[in-house]
Amino acid sequence: CAPCPLDSYAELGGSTTCVRCPQRSFTSAMASTSLFDCQCFNGTFFDHDKGLCEQCPPGYWCTSGQMFVCPVNSASLKGSDDASNCECKD
């Protein structure tokens, strides 16, 4: 059996069928065996209700699948991936 390529995983242990990771996510290694091996790209967060990675909303920054609010009196654009993207409001 060939291992699943990057950005996919074997849905059932030992399965020969590979499933692509959801949109806006990737795997860091070949031979992934679970949806949980798929990681969100920076600038996106994991939406548990939808089960996929969504673009970070304005006023937040997102990394490693998590969403963080910008500090008080600052804002960011949609898809921000670092706290430095939160800029002071005028």
PDB file of N, CA and C in Angstrom:
ATOM      1  N   CYS A   1       0.842  -1.190   0.000  1.00  0.00           N
ATOM      2  CA  CYS A   1       0.000   0.000   0.000  1.00  0.00           C
ATOM      3  C   CYS A   1       0.888   1.256   0.000  1.00  0.00           C
ATOM      4  N   ALA A   2       0.516   2.199  -0.814  1.00  0.00           N
ATOM      5  CA  ALA A   2       1.245   3.468  -0.872  1.00  0.00           C
ATOM      6  C   ALA A   2       0.669   4.425   0.168  1.00  0.00           C
ATOM      7  N   PRO A   3       1.520   5.181   0.854  1.00  0.00           N
ATOM      8  CA  PRO A   3       1.017   6.148   1.830  1.00  0.00           C
ATOM      9  C   PRO A   3       0.301   7.295   1.117  1.00  0.00           C
ATOM     10  N   CYS A   4      -0.606   7.923   1.817  1.00  0.00           N
ATOM     11  CA  CYS A   4      -1.308   9.080   1.250  1.00  0.00           C
ATOM     12  C   CYS A   4      -0.312  10.215   1.037  1.00  0.00           C
ATOM     13  N   PRO A   5      -0.476  10.966  -0.053  1.00  0.00           N
ATOM     14  CA  PRO A   5       0.425  12.093  -0.309  1.00  0.00           C
ATOM     15  C   PRO A   5       0.130  13.262   0.629  1.00  0.00           C
ATOM     16  N   LEU A   6       0.977  14.269   0.552  1.00  0.00           N
ATOM     17  CA  LEU A   6       0.739  15.486   1.335  1.00  0.00           C
ATOM     18  C   LEU A   6      -0.660  16.016   1.068  1.00  0.00           C
ATOM     19  N   ASP A   7      -1.235  16.680   2.061  1.00  0.00           N
ATOM     20  CA  ASP A   7      -2.547  17.327   1.983  1.00  0.00           C
ATOM     21  C   ASP A   7      -3.706  16.342   1.838  1.00  0.00           C
ATOM     22  N   SER A   8      -3.475  15.101   2.278  1.00  0.00           N
ATOM     23  CA  SER A   8      -4.537  14.103   2.281  1.00  0.00           C
ATOM     24  C   SER A   8      -4.286  13.123   3.429  1.00  0.00           C
ATOM     25  N   TYR A   9      -5.277  12.270   3.692  1.00  0.00           N
ATOM     26  CA  TYR A   9      -5.180  11.305   4.787  1.00  0.00           C
ATOM     27  C   TYR A   9      -6.007  10.070   4.443  1.00  0.00           C
ATOM     28  N   ALA A  10      -5.688   8.942   5.076  1.00  0.00           N
ATOM     29  CA  ALA A  10      -6.448   7.704   4.914  1.00  0.00           C
ATOM     30  C   ALA A  10      -7.600   7.750   5.915  1.00  0.00           C
ATOM     31  N   GLU A  11      -8.816   7.774   5.393  1.00  0.00           N
ATOM     32  CA  GLU A  11      -9.980   7.950   6.265  1.00  0.00           C
ATOM     33  C   GLU A  11     -10.154   6.810   7.267  1.00  0.00           C
ATOM     34  N   LEU A  12      -9.866   5.604   6.845  1.00  0.00           N
ATOM     35  CA  LEU A  12      -9.959   4.443   7.722  1.00  0.00           C
ATOM     36  C   LEU A  12      -8.584   3.822   7.848  1.00  0.00           C
ATOM     37  N   GLY A  13      -8.204   3.480   9.055  1.00  0.00           N
ATOM     38  CA  GLY A  13      -6.877   2.894   9.264  1.00  0.00           C
ATOM     39  C   GLY A  13      -6.610   1.753   8.292  1.00  0.00           C
ATOM     40  N   GLY A  14      -5.505   1.809   7.588  1.00  0.00           N
ATOM     41  CA  GLY A  14      -5.148   0.771   6.632  1.00  0.00           C
ATOM     42  C   GLY A  14      -5.852   0.905   5.293  1.00  0.00           C
ATOM     43  N   SER A  15      -6.696   1.926   5.134  1.00  0.00           N
ATOM     44  CA  SER A  15      -7.415   2.130   3.889  1.00  0.00           C
ATOM     45  C   SER A  15      -6.451   2.542   2.779  1.00  0.00           C
ATOM     46  N   THR A  16      -6.753   2.126   1.565  1.00  0.00           N
ATOM     47  CA  THR A  16      -5.951   2.532   0.411  1.00  0.00           C
ATOM     48  C   THR A  16      -6.545   3.775  -0.256  1.00  0.00           C
ATOM     49  N   THR A  17      -7.691   4.243   0.242  1.00  0.00           N
ATOM     50  CA  THR A  17      -8.331   5.436  -0.306  1.00  0.00           C
ATOM     51  C   THR A  17      -7.895   6.661   0.483  1.00  0.00           C
ATOM     52  N   CYS A  18      -7.361   7.645  -0.224  1.00  0.00           N
ATOM     53  CA  CYS A  18      -6.923   8.881   0.416  1.00  0.00           C
ATOM     54  C   CYS A  18      -7.967   9.973   0.192  1.00  0.00           C
ATOM     55  N   VAL A  19      -8.175  10.780   1.223  1.00  0.00           N
ATOM     56  CA  VAL A  19      -9.140  11.881   1.181  1.00  0.00           C
ATOM     57  C   VAL A  19      -8.365  13.183   1.310  1.00  0.00           C
ATOM     58  N   ARG A  20      -8.673  14.163   0.437  1.00  0.00           N
ATOM     59  CA  ARG A  20      -7.991  15.466   0.513  1.00  0.00           C
ATOM     60  C   ARG A  20      -8.398  16.194   1.783  1.00  0.00           C
ATOM     61  N   CYS A  21      -7.475  16.937   2.354  1.00  0.00           N
ATOM     62  CA  CYS A  21      -7.795  17.791   3.496  1.00  0.00           C
ATOM     63  C   CYS A  21      -8.816  18.840   3.058  1.00  0.00           C
ATOM     64  N   PRO A  22      -9.616  19.346   3.992  1.00  0.00           N
ATOM     65  CA  PRO A  22     -10.572  20.394   3.649  1.00  0.00           C
ATOM     66  C   PRO A  22      -9.867  21.643   3.099  1.00  0.00           C
ATOM     67  N   GLN A  23     -10.631  22.467   2.424  1.00  0.00           N
ATOM     68  CA  GLN A  23     -10.108  23.716   1.876  1.00  0.00           C
ATOM     69  C   GLN A  23      -9.390  24.507   2.962  1.00  0.00           C
ATOM     70  N   ARG A  24      -8.310  25.198   2.591  1.00  0.00           N
ATOM     71  CA  ARG A  24      -7.499  26.044   3.478  1.00  0.00           C
ATOM     72  C   ARG A  24      -6.749  25.251   4.554  1.00  0.00           C
ATOM     73  N   SER A  25      -6.483  23.953   4.293  1.00  0.00           N
ATOM     74  CA  SER A  25      -5.709  23.171   5.261  1.00  0.00           C
ATOM     75  C   SER A  25      -4.724  22.266   4.532  1.00  0.00           C
ATOM     76  N   PHE A  26      -3.762  21.725   5.294  1.00  0.00           N
ATOM     77  CA  PHE A  26      -2.668  20.934   4.738  1.00  0.00           C
ATOM     78  C   PHE A  26      -2.185  19.928   5.760  1.00  0.00           C
ATOM     79  N   THR A  27      -1.392  18.962   5.307  1.00  0.00           N
ATOM     80  CA  THR A  27      -0.700  18.061   6.231  1.00  0.00           C
ATOM     81  C   THR A  27       0.792  18.375   6.159  1.00  0.00           C
ATOM     82  N   SER A  28       1.481  18.141   7.235  1.00  0.00           N
ATOM     83  CA  SER A  28       2.918  18.445   7.268  1.00  0.00           C
ATOM     84  C   SER A  28       3.770  17.242   6.877  1.00  0.00           C
ATOM     85  N   ALA A  29       3.122  16.087   6.694  1.00  0.00           N
ATOM     86  CA  ALA A  29       3.869  14.881   6.324  1.00  0.00           C
ATOM     87  C   ALA A  29       2.990  13.957   5.484  1.00  0.00           C
ATOM     88  N   MET A  30       3.638  13.051   4.769  1.00  0.00           N
ATOM     89  CA  MET A  30       2.901  12.027   4.027  1.00  0.00           C
ATOM     90  C   MET A  30       2.399  10.973   5.013  1.00  0.00           C
ATOM     91  N   ALA A  31       1.516  10.119   4.545  1.00  0.00           N
ATOM     92  CA  ALA A  31       1.008   8.976   5.315  1.00  0.00           C
ATOM     93  C   ALA A  31       0.130   9.394   6.489  1.00  0.00           C
ATOM     94  N   SER A  32      -0.569  10.518   6.368  1.00  0.00           N
ATOM     95  CA  SER A  32      -1.482  10.948   7.434  1.00  0.00           C
ATOM     96  C   SER A  32      -2.671   9.991   7.496  1.00  0.00           C
ATOM     97  N   THR A  33      -3.186   9.793   8.701  1.00  0.00           N
ATOM     98  CA  THR A  33      -4.233   8.787   8.895  1.00  0.00           C
ATOM     99  C   THR A  33      -5.519   9.348   9.486  1.00  0.00           C
ATOM    100  N   SER A  34      -5.614  10.664   9.618  1.00  0.00           N
ATOM    101  CA  SER A  34      -6.800  11.237  10.254  1.00  0.00           C
ATOM    102  C   SER A  34      -7.044  12.657   9.759  1.00  0.00           C
ATOM    103  N   LEU A  35      -8.291  13.055   9.736  1.00  0.00           N
ATOM    104  CA  LEU A  35      -8.658  14.437   9.433  1.00  0.00           C
ATOM    105  C   LEU A  35      -7.931  15.388  10.372  1.00  0.00           C
ATOM    106  N   PHE A  36      -7.681  14.951  11.591  1.00  0.00           N
ATOM    107  CA  PHE A  36      -7.016  15.794  12.588  1.00  0.00           C
ATOM    108  C   PHE A  36      -5.551  16.068  12.244  1.00  0.00           C
ATOM    109  N   ASP A  37      -5.007  15.349  11.268  1.00  0.00           N
ATOM    110  CA  ASP A  37      -3.656  15.635  10.788  1.00  0.00           C
ATOM    111  C   ASP A  37      -3.637  16.851   9.864  1.00  0.00           C
ATOM    112  N   CYS A  38      -4.804  17.263   9.384  1.00  0.00           N
ATOM    113  CA  CYS A  38      -4.911  18.440   8.518  1.00  0.00           C
ATOM    114  C   CYS A  38      -4.863  19.690   9.393  1.00  0.00           C
ATOM    115  N   GLN A  39      -3.972  20.613   9.055  1.00  0.00           N
ATOM    116  CA  GLN A  39      -3.782  21.844   9.829  1.00  0.00           C
ATOM    117  C   GLN A  39      -4.215  23.044   8.999  1.00  0.00           C
ATOM    118  N   CYS A  40      -4.812  24.024   9.666  1.00  0.00           N
ATOM    119  CA  CYS A  40      -5.243  25.243   8.984  1.00  0.00           C
ATOM    120  C   CYS A  40      -4.039  26.095   8.604  1.00  0.00           C
ATOM    121  N   PHE A  41      -4.102  26.706   7.421  1.00  0.00           N
ATOM    122  CA  PHE A  41      -3.084  27.673   7.019  1.00  0.00           C
ATOM    123  C   PHE A  41      -3.155  28.880   7.941  1.00  0.00           C
ATOM    124  N   ASN A  42      -2.041  29.593   8.117  1.00  0.00           N
ATOM    125  CA  ASN A  42      -2.078  30.854   8.850  1.00  0.00           C
ATOM    126  C   ASN A  42      -3.032  31.801   8.125  1.00  0.00           C
ATOM    127  N   GLY A  43      -3.758  32.602   8.902  1.00  0.00           N
ATOM    128  CA  GLY A  43      -4.777  33.481   8.336  1.00  0.00           C
ATOM    129  C   GLY A  43      -6.148  32.828   8.300  1.00  0.00           C
ATOM    130  N   THR A  44      -6.206  31.569   8.803  1.00  0.00           N
ATOM    131  CA  THR A  44      -7.482  30.861   8.916  1.00  0.00           C
ATOM    132  C   THR A  44      -7.582  30.244  10.312  1.00  0.00           C
ATOM    133  N   PHE A  45      -8.795  29.870  10.693  1.00  0.00           N
ATOM    134  CA  PHE A  45      -9.020  29.218  11.991  1.00  0.00           C
ATOM    135  C   PHE A  45      -9.931  28.024  11.773  1.00  0.00           C
ATOM    136  N   PHE A  46      -9.892  27.056  12.684  1.00  0.00           N
ATOM    137  CA  PHE A  46     -10.731  25.870  12.570  1.00  0.00           C
ATOM    138  C   PHE A  46     -12.106  26.157  13.154  1.00  0.00           C
ATOM    139  N   ASP A  47     -13.124  26.106  12.308  1.00  0.00           N
ATOM    140  CA  ASP A  47     -14.524  26.301  12.723  1.00  0.00           C
ATOM    141  C   ASP A  47     -15.072  24.927  13.100  1.00  0.00           C
ATOM    142  N   HIS A  48     -15.239  24.676  14.391  1.00  0.00           N
ATOM    143  CA  HIS A  48     -15.672  23.366  14.877  1.00  0.00           C
ATOM    144  C   HIS A  48     -17.078  23.020  14.410  1.00  0.00           C
ATOM    145  N   ASP A  49     -17.954  24.019  14.250  1.00  0.00           N
ATOM    146  CA  ASP A  49     -19.321  23.753  13.796  1.00  0.00           C
ATOM    147  C   ASP A  49     -19.346  23.262  12.352  1.00  0.00           C
ATOM    148  N   LYS A  50     -18.493  23.829  11.513  1.00  0.00           N
ATOM    149  CA  LYS A  50     -18.456  23.457  10.094  1.00  0.00           C
ATOM    150  C   LYS A  50     -17.450  22.353   9.806  1.00  0.00           C
ATOM    151  N   GLY A  51     -16.491  22.150  10.725  1.00  0.00           N
ATOM    152  CA  GLY A  51     -15.480  21.123  10.537  1.00  0.00           C
ATOM    153  C   GLY A  51     -14.464  21.458   9.465  1.00  0.00           C
ATOM    154  N   LEU A  52     -14.198  22.763   9.286  1.00  0.00           N
ATOM    155  CA  LEU A  52     -13.215  23.172   8.289  1.00  0.00           C
ATOM    156  C   LEU A  52     -12.572  24.497   8.668  1.00  0.00           C
ATOM    157  N   CYS A  53     -11.548  24.856   7.928  1.00  0.00           N
ATOM    158  CA  CYS A  53     -10.815  26.097   8.186  1.00  0.00           C
ATOM    159  C   CYS A  53     -11.490  27.249   7.452  1.00  0.00           C
ATOM    160  N   GLU A  54     -11.752  28.321   8.167  1.00  0.00           N
ATOM    161  CA  GLU A  54     -12.393  29.519   7.610  1.00  0.00           C
ATOM    162  C   GLU A  54     -11.407  30.673   7.659  1.00  0.00           C
ATOM    163  N   GLN A  55     -11.573  31.625   6.745  1.00  0.00           N
ATOM    164  CA  GLN A  55     -10.701  32.792   6.737  1.00  0.00           C
ATOM    165  C   GLN A  55     -10.925  33.620   7.997  1.00  0.00           C
ATOM    166  N   CYS A  56      -9.844  34.114   8.556  1.00  0.00           N
ATOM    167  CA  CYS A  56      -9.892  34.911   9.778  1.00  0.00           C
ATOM    168  C   CYS A  56     -10.733  36.175   9.529  1.00  0.00           C
ATOM    169  N   PRO A  57     -11.667  36.492  10.432  1.00  0.00           N
ATOM    170  CA  PRO A  57     -12.505  37.683  10.233  1.00  0.00           C
ATOM    171  C   PRO A  57     -11.763  38.973  10.595  1.00  0.00           C
ATOM    172  N   PRO A  58     -12.261  40.118  10.119  1.00  0.00           N
ATOM    173  CA  PRO A  58     -11.666  41.403  10.496  1.00  0.00           C
ATOM    174  C   PRO A  58     -11.682  41.576  12.020  1.00  0.00           C
ATOM    175  N   GLY A  59     -10.643  42.220  12.553  1.00  0.00           N
ATOM    176  CA  GLY A  59     -10.566  42.443  14.000  1.00  0.00           C
ATOM    177  C   GLY A  59      -9.900  41.306  14.758  1.00  0.00           C
ATOM    178  N   TYR A  60      -9.451  40.290  14.031  1.00  0.00           N
ATOM    179  CA  TYR A  60      -8.798  39.124  14.632  1.00  0.00           C
ATOM    180  C   TYR A  60      -7.552  38.789  13.819  1.00  0.00           C
ATOM    181  N   TRP A  61      -6.689  37.951  14.385  1.00  0.00           N
ATOM    182  CA  TRP A  61      -5.581  37.348  13.641  1.00  0.00           C
ATOM    183  C   TRP A  61      -5.588  35.865  13.979  1.00  0.00           C
ATOM    184  N   CYS A  62      -5.209  35.044  13.005  1.00  0.00           N
ATOM    185  CA  CYS A  62      -5.336  33.598  13.161  1.00  0.00           C
ATOM    186  C   CYS A  62      -4.045  32.891  12.779  1.00  0.00           C
ATOM    187  N   THR A  63      -3.650  31.948  13.625  1.00  0.00           N
ATOM    188  CA  THR A  63      -2.473  31.127  13.351  1.00  0.00           C
ATOM    189  C   THR A  63      -2.676  29.763  14.005  1.00  0.00           C
ATOM    190  N   SER A  64      -2.117  28.734  13.408  1.00  0.00           N
ATOM    191  CA  SER A  64      -2.204  27.363  13.936  1.00  0.00           C
ATOM    192  C   SER A  64      -3.643  26.935  14.190  1.00  0.00           C
ATOM    193  N   GLY A  65      -4.577  27.412  13.359  1.00  0.00           N
ATOM    194  CA  GLY A  65      -5.975  27.022  13.486  1.00  0.00           C
ATOM    195  C   GLY A  65      -6.738  27.724  14.584  1.00  0.00           C
ATOM    196  N   GLN A  66      -6.091  28.653  15.281  1.00  0.00           N
ATOM    197  CA  GLN A  66      -6.738  29.366  16.387  1.00  0.00           C
ATOM    198  C   GLN A  66      -6.947  30.829  16.025  1.00  0.00           C
ATOM    199  N   MET A  67      -7.975  31.431  16.633  1.00  0.00           N
ATOM    200  CA  MET A  67      -8.327  32.822  16.369  1.00  0.00           C
ATOM    201  C   MET A  67      -8.086  33.656  17.624  1.00  0.00           C
ATOM    202  N   PHE A  68      -7.437  34.818  17.434  1.00  0.00           N
ATOM    203  CA  PHE A  68      -7.123  35.721  18.543  1.00  0.00           C
ATOM    204  C   PHE A  68      -7.668  37.103  18.219  1.00  0.00           C
ATOM    205  N   VAL A  69      -8.283  37.743  19.200  1.00  0.00           N
ATOM    206  CA  VAL A  69      -8.832  39.079  18.997  1.00  0.00           C
ATOM    207  C   VAL A  69      -7.710  40.118  19.049  1.00  0.00           C
ATOM    208  N   CYS A  70      -7.825  41.142  18.209  1.00  0.00           N
ATOM    209  CA  CYS A  70      -6.856  42.234  18.244  1.00  0.00           C
ATOM    210  C   CYS A  70      -7.003  43.003  19.563  1.00  0.00           C
ATOM    211  N   PRO A  71      -5.943  43.644  20.025  1.00  0.00           N
ATOM    212  CA  PRO A  71      -6.029  44.444  21.253  1.00  0.00           C
ATOM    213  C   PRO A  71      -7.071  45.569  21.116  1.00  0.00           C
ATOM    214  N   VAL A  72      -7.511  46.073  22.256  1.00  0.00           N
ATOM    215  CA  VAL A  72      -8.480  47.175  22.292  1.00  0.00           C
ATOM    216  C   VAL A  72      -7.960  48.348  21.466  1.00  0.00           C
ATOM    217  N   ASN A  73      -8.859  49.009  20.744  1.00  0.00           N
ATOM    218  CA  ASN A  73      -8.554  50.173  19.899  1.00  0.00           C
ATOM    219  C   ASN A  73      -7.632  49.839  18.727  1.00  0.00           C
ATOM    220  N   SER A  74      -7.630  48.570  18.292  1.00  0.00           N
ATOM    221  CA  SER A  74      -6.898  48.203  17.087  1.00  0.00           C
ATOM    222  C   SER A  74      -7.793  47.319  16.227  1.00  0.00           C
ATOM    223  N   ALA A  75      -7.438  47.182  14.971  1.00  0.00           N
ATOM    224  CA  ALA A  75      -8.233  46.385  14.031  1.00  0.00           C
ATOM    225  C   ALA A  75      -7.303  45.738  13.019  1.00  0.00           C
ATOM    226  N   SER A  76      -7.805  44.702  12.355  1.00  0.00           N
ATOM    227  CA  SER A  76      -7.052  44.023  11.308  1.00  0.00           C
ATOM    228  C   SER A  76      -7.987  43.721  10.148  1.00  0.00           C
ATOM    229  N   LEU A  77      -7.406  43.399   9.021  1.00  0.00           N
ATOM    230  CA  LEU A  77      -8.177  43.029   7.843  1.00  0.00           C
ATOM    231  C   LEU A  77      -8.508  41.540   7.887  1.00  0.00           C
ATOM    232  N   LYS A  78      -9.487  41.143   7.099  1.00  0.00           N
ATOM    233  CA  LYS A  78      -9.856  39.734   6.962  1.00  0.00           C
ATOM    234  C   LYS A  78      -8.639  38.945   6.491  1.00  0.00           C
ATOM    235  N   GLY A  79      -8.402  37.778   7.090  1.00  0.00           N
ATOM    236  CA  GLY A  79      -7.292  36.921   6.690  1.00  0.00           C
ATOM    237  C   GLY A  79      -5.971  37.240   7.365  1.00  0.00           C
ATOM    238  N   SER A  80      -5.989  38.085   8.402  1.00  0.00           N
ATOM    239  CA  SER A  80      -4.748  38.444   9.099  1.00  0.00           C
ATOM    240  C   SER A  80      -4.167  37.217   9.798  1.00  0.00           C
ATOM    241  N   ASP A  81      -2.817  37.135   9.805  1.00  0.00           N
ATOM    242  CA  ASP A  81      -2.178  35.944  10.354  1.00  0.00           C
ATOM    243  C   ASP A  81      -1.154  36.225  11.453  1.00  0.00           C
ATOM    244  N   ASP A  82      -1.103  37.478  11.936  1.00  0.00           N
ATOM    245  CA  ASP A  82      -0.125  37.819  12.959  1.00  0.00           C
ATOM    246  C   ASP A  82      -0.638  39.019  13.752  1.00  0.00           C
ATOM    247  N   ALA A  83      -0.263  39.099  15.023  1.00  0.00           N
ATOM    248  CA  ALA A  83      -0.688  40.217  15.875  1.00  0.00           C
ATOM    249  C   ALA A  83      -0.218  41.553  15.311  1.00  0.00           C
ATOM    250  N   SER A  84       0.873  41.539  14.570  1.00  0.00           N
ATOM    251  CA  SER A  84       1.372  42.793  13.985  1.00  0.00           C
ATOM    252  C   SER A  84       0.427  43.348  12.924  1.00  0.00           C
ATOM    253  N   ASN A  85      -0.534  42.535  12.470  1.00  0.00           N
ATOM    254  CA  ASN A  85      -1.529  43.013  11.514  1.00  0.00           C
ATOM    255  C   ASN A  85      -2.609  43.848  12.172  1.00  0.00           C
ATOM    256  N   CYS A  86      -2.677  43.836  13.503  1.00  0.00           N
ATOM    257  CA  CYS A  86      -3.638  44.655  14.252  1.00  0.00           C
ATOM    258  C   CYS A  86      -3.055  46.055  14.371  1.00  0.00           C
ATOM    259  N   GLU A  87      -3.704  46.994  13.717  1.00  0.00           N
ATOM    260  CA  GLU A  87      -3.193  48.372  13.697  1.00  0.00           C
ATOM    261  C   GLU A  87      -4.110  49.284  14.489  1.00  0.00           C
ATOM    262  N   CYS A  88      -3.521  50.283  15.141  1.00  0.00           N
ATOM    263  CA  CYS A  88      -4.288  51.236  15.946  1.00  0.00           C
ATOM    264  C   CYS A  88      -5.332  51.942  15.090  1.00  0.00           C
ATOM    265  N   LYS A  89      -6.517  52.102  15.678  1.00  0.00           N
ATOM    266  CA  LYS A  89      -7.578  52.843  15.000  1.00  0.00           C
ATOM    267  C   LYS A  89      -7.316  54.327  15.157  1.00  0.00           C
ATOM    268  N   ASP A  90      -7.677  55.081  14.156  1.00  0.00           N
ATOM    269  CA  ASP A  90      -7.521  56.553  14.236  1.00  0.00           C
ATOM    270  C   ASP A  90      -8.586  57.159  15.106  1.00  0.00           C
TER     271      ASP A  90
END
